[in-house]
């Protein structure tokens, strides 16, 4: 299951918002999740700090031309 966001310009704030949303779903409605989760953000531009925050938290960032961080499949 993919849980994600799309944005033109990615900053650390949106990475943290995505992580908060995933944790909220896990705590309030775990029945909505499958066994494996991919946290993903699609963007045109990502600030270097956002890329680092995503990499440290297992968030896959991609642009139309390439992946900025590796895809991580998390056991739910």
N, C-alpha and C. Protein backbone atom coordinates (compact mmCIF):
# COMPACT_ATOMS: atom_id res chain seq x y z
N UNK A 1 0.84 -1.17 0.00
CA UNK A 1 0.00 0.00 0.00
C UNK A 1 0.89 1.24 0.00
N UNK A 2 0.55 2.19 -0.84
CA UNK A 2 1.27 3.46 -0.90
C UNK A 2 0.49 4.51 -0.10
N UNK A 3 1.19 5.26 0.71
CA UNK A 3 0.63 6.42 1.38
C UNK A 3 1.50 7.58 0.97
N UNK A 4 0.91 8.61 0.35
CA UNK A 4 1.77 9.64 -0.17
C UNK A 4 1.16 10.99 -0.36
N UNK A 5 2.01 11.86 -0.88
CA UNK A 5 1.69 13.25 -1.17
C UNK A 5 2.27 13.62 -2.52
N UNK A 6 1.77 14.69 -3.08
CA UNK A 6 2.34 15.27 -4.30
C UNK A 6 2.46 16.77 -4.07
N UNK A 7 3.59 17.34 -4.49
CA UNK A 7 3.83 18.77 -4.29
C UNK A 7 4.79 19.29 -5.34
N UNK A 8 4.75 20.56 -5.59
CA UNK A 8 5.69 21.17 -6.53
C UNK A 8 7.04 21.37 -5.86
N UNK A 9 7.03 21.86 -4.62
CA UNK A 9 8.27 22.15 -3.89
C UNK A 9 8.22 21.44 -2.54
N UNK A 10 9.16 20.55 -2.32
CA UNK A 10 9.18 19.74 -1.10
C UNK A 10 10.15 20.30 -0.08
N UNK A 11 9.64 20.48 1.13
CA UNK A 11 10.46 20.89 2.26
C UNK A 11 10.33 19.87 3.39
N UNK A 12 11.08 20.06 4.43
CA UNK A 12 11.08 19.14 5.56
C UNK A 12 9.69 19.07 6.21
N UNK A 13 8.97 20.18 6.21
CA UNK A 13 7.65 20.23 6.84
C UNK A 13 6.71 19.19 6.24
N UNK A 14 6.70 19.05 4.93
CA UNK A 14 5.80 18.09 4.28
C UNK A 14 6.24 16.65 4.56
N UNK A 15 7.52 16.42 4.65
CA UNK A 15 8.01 15.07 5.01
C UNK A 15 7.48 14.72 6.40
N UNK A 16 7.58 15.64 7.34
CA UNK A 16 7.09 15.41 8.70
C UNK A 16 5.58 15.23 8.74
N UNK A 17 4.85 15.99 7.92
CA UNK A 17 3.40 15.84 7.85
C UNK A 17 3.02 14.45 7.37
N UNK A 18 3.72 13.95 6.36
CA UNK A 18 3.44 12.61 5.86
C UNK A 18 3.69 11.58 6.95
N UNK A 19 4.81 11.69 7.64
CA UNK A 19 5.12 10.75 8.72
C UNK A 19 4.07 10.80 9.82
N UNK A 20 3.60 11.99 10.16
CA UNK A 20 2.54 12.14 11.17
C UNK A 20 1.25 11.48 10.72
N UNK A 21 0.90 11.64 9.44
CA UNK A 21 -0.33 11.03 8.90
C UNK A 21 -0.25 9.51 8.95
N UNK A 22 0.89 8.97 8.61
CA UNK A 22 1.06 7.51 8.65
C UNK A 22 0.89 7.01 10.08
N UNK A 23 1.51 7.69 11.04
CA UNK A 23 1.39 7.27 12.44
C UNK A 23 -0.04 7.41 12.94
N UNK A 24 -0.75 8.45 12.51
CA UNK A 24 -2.14 8.64 12.90
C UNK A 24 -3.01 7.51 12.38
N UNK A 25 -2.81 7.14 11.13
CA UNK A 25 -3.58 6.03 10.55
C UNK A 25 -3.26 4.73 11.28
N UNK A 26 -1.98 4.50 11.57
CA UNK A 26 -1.58 3.28 12.28
C UNK A 26 -2.25 3.20 13.66
N UNK A 27 -2.35 4.33 14.36
CA UNK A 27 -2.91 4.31 15.71
C UNK A 27 -4.43 4.32 15.74
N UNK A 28 -5.06 5.05 14.82
CA UNK A 28 -6.52 5.20 14.86
C UNK A 28 -7.27 4.19 13.99
N UNK A 29 -6.70 3.85 12.82
CA UNK A 29 -7.39 2.97 11.88
C UNK A 29 -6.45 1.95 11.25
N UNK A 30 -5.82 1.11 12.04
CA UNK A 30 -4.89 0.12 11.46
C UNK A 30 -5.56 -0.84 10.50
N UNK A 31 -6.88 -0.97 10.60
CA UNK A 31 -7.62 -1.84 9.70
C UNK A 31 -7.57 -1.36 8.24
N UNK A 32 -7.24 -0.10 8.03
CA UNK A 32 -7.16 0.45 6.67
C UNK A 32 -5.84 0.10 5.98
N UNK A 33 -4.86 -0.35 6.75
CA UNK A 33 -3.53 -0.59 6.21
C UNK A 33 -3.31 -2.05 5.84
N UNK A 34 -2.44 -2.25 4.89
CA UNK A 34 -2.02 -3.60 4.54
C UNK A 34 -0.74 -3.93 5.29
N UNK A 35 -0.22 -5.14 5.07
CA UNK A 35 0.97 -5.57 5.81
C UNK A 35 2.22 -4.79 5.44
N UNK A 36 2.29 -4.32 4.19
CA UNK A 36 3.47 -3.56 3.74
C UNK A 36 3.04 -2.16 3.33
N UNK A 37 3.84 -1.17 3.73
CA UNK A 37 3.53 0.23 3.47
C UNK A 37 4.72 0.88 2.76
N UNK A 38 4.43 1.68 1.74
CA UNK A 38 5.44 2.50 1.08
C UNK A 38 5.02 3.95 1.26
N UNK A 39 5.87 4.71 1.94
CA UNK A 39 5.63 6.15 2.13
C UNK A 39 6.29 6.86 0.96
N UNK A 40 5.53 7.67 0.21
CA UNK A 40 6.05 8.25 -1.03
C UNK A 40 5.62 9.71 -1.18
N UNK A 41 6.51 10.51 -1.74
CA UNK A 41 6.19 11.90 -2.10
C UNK A 41 6.69 12.13 -3.52
N UNK A 42 5.79 12.62 -4.37
CA UNK A 42 6.13 12.97 -5.74
C UNK A 42 6.30 14.48 -5.80
N UNK A 43 7.40 14.96 -6.38
CA UNK A 43 7.68 16.40 -6.38
C UNK A 43 8.44 16.83 -7.63
N UNK A 44 8.40 18.12 -7.91
CA UNK A 44 9.23 18.69 -8.97
C UNK A 44 10.59 19.11 -8.43
N UNK A 45 10.59 19.68 -7.20
CA UNK A 45 11.84 20.13 -6.58
C UNK A 45 11.83 19.72 -5.11
N UNK A 46 12.93 19.19 -4.63
CA UNK A 46 13.06 18.83 -3.21
C UNK A 46 14.30 19.51 -2.64
N UNK A 47 14.11 20.22 -1.54
CA UNK A 47 15.23 20.85 -0.84
C UNK A 47 16.16 19.75 -0.32
N UNK A 48 17.46 20.01 -0.28
CA UNK A 48 18.40 19.00 0.22
C UNK A 48 18.07 18.51 1.63
N UNK A 49 17.58 19.40 2.50
CA UNK A 49 17.22 19.01 3.85
C UNK A 49 16.04 18.04 3.84
N UNK A 50 15.10 18.25 2.91
CA UNK A 50 13.94 17.37 2.80
C UNK A 50 14.36 15.99 2.31
N UNK A 51 15.30 15.95 1.39
CA UNK A 51 15.80 14.67 0.89
C UNK A 51 16.45 13.90 2.03
N UNK A 52 17.25 14.57 2.82
CA UNK A 52 17.92 13.93 3.95
C UNK A 52 16.91 13.43 4.98
N UNK A 53 15.91 14.26 5.30
CA UNK A 53 14.88 13.86 6.27
C UNK A 53 14.11 12.65 5.75
N UNK A 54 13.79 12.64 4.47
CA UNK A 54 13.07 11.51 3.87
C UNK A 54 13.92 10.25 3.90
N UNK A 55 15.17 10.38 3.54
CA UNK A 55 16.08 9.22 3.54
C UNK A 55 16.19 8.63 4.95
N UNK A 56 16.28 9.47 5.96
CA UNK A 56 16.42 9.01 7.34
C UNK A 56 15.15 8.36 7.88
N UNK A 57 14.00 8.64 7.24
CA UNK A 57 12.72 8.12 7.73
C UNK A 57 12.05 7.14 6.77
N UNK A 58 12.76 6.70 5.77
CA UNK A 58 12.22 5.69 4.86
C UNK A 58 11.12 6.18 3.94
N UNK A 59 11.21 7.46 3.54
CA UNK A 59 10.22 8.02 2.61
C UNK A 59 10.83 8.05 1.21
N UNK A 60 10.12 7.50 0.27
CA UNK A 60 10.55 7.45 -1.12
C UNK A 60 10.17 8.77 -1.79
N UNK A 61 11.16 9.51 -2.29
CA UNK A 61 10.90 10.75 -3.02
C UNK A 61 11.25 10.51 -4.48
N UNK A 62 10.32 10.89 -5.36
CA UNK A 62 10.60 10.74 -6.77
C UNK A 62 10.14 11.95 -7.55
N UNK A 63 10.87 12.17 -8.64
CA UNK A 63 10.53 13.18 -9.63
C UNK A 63 10.18 12.45 -10.91
N UNK A 64 9.75 13.19 -11.91
CA UNK A 64 9.37 12.56 -13.18
C UNK A 64 10.55 11.87 -13.84
N UNK A 65 11.77 12.33 -13.56
CA UNK A 65 12.94 11.78 -14.26
C UNK A 65 13.78 10.81 -13.45
N UNK A 66 13.61 10.80 -12.10
CA UNK A 66 14.42 9.88 -11.31
C UNK A 66 13.93 9.82 -9.87
N UNK A 67 14.40 8.79 -9.16
CA UNK A 67 14.16 8.67 -7.72
C UNK A 67 15.21 9.49 -6.99
N UNK A 68 14.77 10.25 -5.98
CA UNK A 68 15.70 11.03 -5.18
C UNK A 68 16.13 10.29 -3.92
N UNK A 69 15.29 9.38 -3.47
CA UNK A 69 15.62 8.48 -2.36
C UNK A 69 15.15 7.09 -2.75
N UNK A 70 15.72 6.07 -2.14
CA UNK A 70 15.31 4.71 -2.51
C UNK A 70 13.92 4.36 -1.95
N UNK A 71 13.22 3.47 -2.64
CA UNK A 71 11.94 2.99 -2.16
C UNK A 71 12.20 2.04 -0.98
N UNK A 72 11.45 2.26 0.10
CA UNK A 72 11.55 1.42 1.29
C UNK A 72 10.18 0.82 1.55
N UNK A 73 10.13 -0.49 1.69
CA UNK A 73 8.88 -1.17 2.01
C UNK A 73 8.92 -1.48 3.51
N UNK A 74 7.98 -0.89 4.22
CA UNK A 74 7.92 -1.01 5.68
C UNK A 74 6.88 -2.06 6.05
N UNK A 75 7.21 -2.93 6.97
CA UNK A 75 6.23 -3.90 7.46
C UNK A 75 5.27 -3.18 8.38
N UNK A 76 3.98 -3.29 8.09
CA UNK A 76 2.96 -2.59 8.85
C UNK A 76 2.56 -3.34 10.00
